[in-house]
Amino acid sequence: MYSIIEQGGVQFKVTPGETVRVPLINASEGDEITIDRVLLLGADDNTCKIGTPVVDGATVTAKVVGHIKDRKVLVIKRKRRKDYRRKNGHRQPYTRLQIISINA
């Protein structure tokens, strides 16, 4: 069984036992969270249930494995012949989730 969920404005295809990286969630490490924004439920026998926009009563239970940061992204601004140069960067925070179960 698999499902497509929406978390933080991004859609993810998840299956039980899988670990996914989602935008930062305000939860501590080891907590179990319930995601109710399930857009699609698919089964192994090629049947699926599509939500409008979400599937009624469907949830995904996940465990917070940890919080991580992505690699550094550099933002460089420059104007030619004007001696204008700016260099900035940041590391985007993410949360690792381990999918425990999909509840239909």
Protein backbone atom coordinates (compact mmCIF):
# COMPACT_ATOMS: atom_id res chain seq x y z
CA MET A 1 0.00 0.00 0.00
CA TYR A 2 1.21 3.50 -0.76
CA SER A 3 -0.12 6.99 -0.38
CA ILE A 4 0.56 10.51 -1.57
CA ILE A 5 0.62 13.05 1.26
CA GLU A 6 1.05 16.80 1.41
CA GLN A 7 3.33 18.22 4.07
CA GLY A 8 4.61 21.78 4.10
CA GLY A 9 3.19 22.52 0.64
CA VAL A 10 5.13 19.63 -0.95
CA GLN A 11 3.71 16.26 -2.05
CA PHE A 12 5.42 12.95 -1.20
CA LYS A 13 4.75 9.35 -2.20
CA VAL A 14 5.19 7.21 0.93
CA THR A 15 4.98 3.54 1.87
CA PRO A 16 5.11 1.99 5.37
CA GLY A 17 8.65 1.60 6.67
CA GLU A 18 10.07 4.29 4.38
CA THR A 19 12.02 7.33 5.62
CA VAL A 20 11.27 10.68 3.94
CA ARG A 21 12.69 14.19 4.28
CA VAL A 22 10.01 16.86 4.65
CA PRO A 23 10.16 20.61 5.38
CA LEU A 24 10.70 21.42 9.05
CA ILE A 25 7.96 20.32 11.46
CA ASN A 26 7.63 21.70 14.98
CA ALA A 27 7.92 18.36 16.79
CA SER A 28 10.63 16.86 18.94
CA GLU A 29 12.66 13.82 18.03
CA GLY A 30 10.87 10.54 18.78
CA ASP A 31 7.35 12.00 18.60
CA GLU A 32 4.63 10.29 16.56
CA ILE A 33 2.64 12.60 14.32
CA THR A 34 -0.48 12.07 12.26
CA ILE A 35 -0.70 13.53 8.77
CA ASP A 36 -4.28 13.99 7.58
CA ARG A 37 -3.53 15.64 4.21
CA VAL A 38 -3.71 12.35 2.24
CA LEU A 39 -4.32 13.10 -1.45
CA LEU A 40 -4.32 9.53 -2.80
CA LEU A 41 -4.41 5.99 -1.47
CA GLY A 42 -3.09 3.18 -3.64
CA ALA A 43 -3.16 -0.56 -3.08
CA ASP A 44 -1.02 -3.39 -4.43
CA ASP A 45 -3.83 -4.65 -6.69
CA ASN A 46 -3.68 -1.48 -8.86
CA THR A 47 -6.70 0.20 -7.25
CA CYS A 48 -6.54 3.70 -5.89
CA LYS A 49 -8.75 6.16 -4.09
CA ILE A 50 -8.32 9.78 -5.15
CA GLY A 51 -9.34 12.58 -2.82
CA THR A 52 -11.09 15.82 -3.70
CA PRO A 53 -8.74 17.33 -2.49
CA VAL A 54 -8.12 14.87 0.38
CA VAL A 55 -9.35 11.33 1.03
CA ASP A 56 -11.96 11.36 3.81
CA GLY A 57 -10.85 9.56 6.98
CA ALA A 58 -7.41 8.63 5.67
CA THR A 59 -4.35 9.38 7.79
CA VAL A 60 -0.66 8.53 7.80
CA THR A 61 1.17 7.90 11.08
CA ALA A 62 4.85 8.81 11.15
CA LYS A 63 7.65 9.00 13.71
CA VAL A 64 10.08 11.94 13.82
CA VAL A 65 13.56 10.46 13.38
CA GLY A 66 15.45 13.74 13.57
CA HIS A 67 16.02 17.25 12.26
CA ILE A 68 18.69 17.91 9.64
CA LYS A 69 19.97 20.73 7.46
CA ASP A 70 20.52 20.49 3.73
CA ARG A 71 23.77 21.49 2.02
CA LYS A 72 24.58 25.19 1.81
CA VAL A 73 22.94 27.17 -1.00
CA LEU A 74 24.90 30.24 -2.09
CA VAL A 75 23.10 33.41 -3.18
CA ILE A 76 25.36 35.71 -5.18
CA LYS A 77 24.38 39.16 -6.45
CA ARG A 78 26.59 41.09 -8.84
CA LYS A 79 26.35 44.08 -11.16
CA ARG A 80 28.95 44.41 -13.84
CA ARG A 81 31.19 47.48 -13.95
CA LYS A 82 29.67 48.87 -10.71
CA ASP A 83 31.87 47.08 -8.15
CA TYR A 84 28.73 45.63 -6.52
CA ARG A 85 29.13 42.12 -5.12
CA ARG A 86 27.14 40.40 -2.38
CA LYS A 87 27.51 36.81 -1.25
CA ASN A 88 25.06 35.18 1.12
CA GLY A 89 24.02 31.64 1.86
CA HIS A 90 21.76 29.50 3.98
CA ARG A 91 21.06 25.88 4.89
CA GLN A 92 17.44 24.79 4.60
CA PRO A 93 16.14 22.86 7.66
CA TYR A 94 14.32 19.54 7.16
CA THR A 95 12.70 16.85 9.31
CA ARG A 96 13.22 13.13 8.73
CA LEU A 97 10.05 11.06 9.13
CA GLN A 98 9.75 7.30 9.26
CA ILE A 99 6.34 6.19 8.00
CA ILE A 100 4.78 3.73 10.44
CA SER A 101 1.36 3.04 8.94
CA ILE A 102 -1.22 4.19 6.42
CA ASN A 103 -4.75 4.21 7.81
CA ALA A 104 -7.58 4.16 5.30
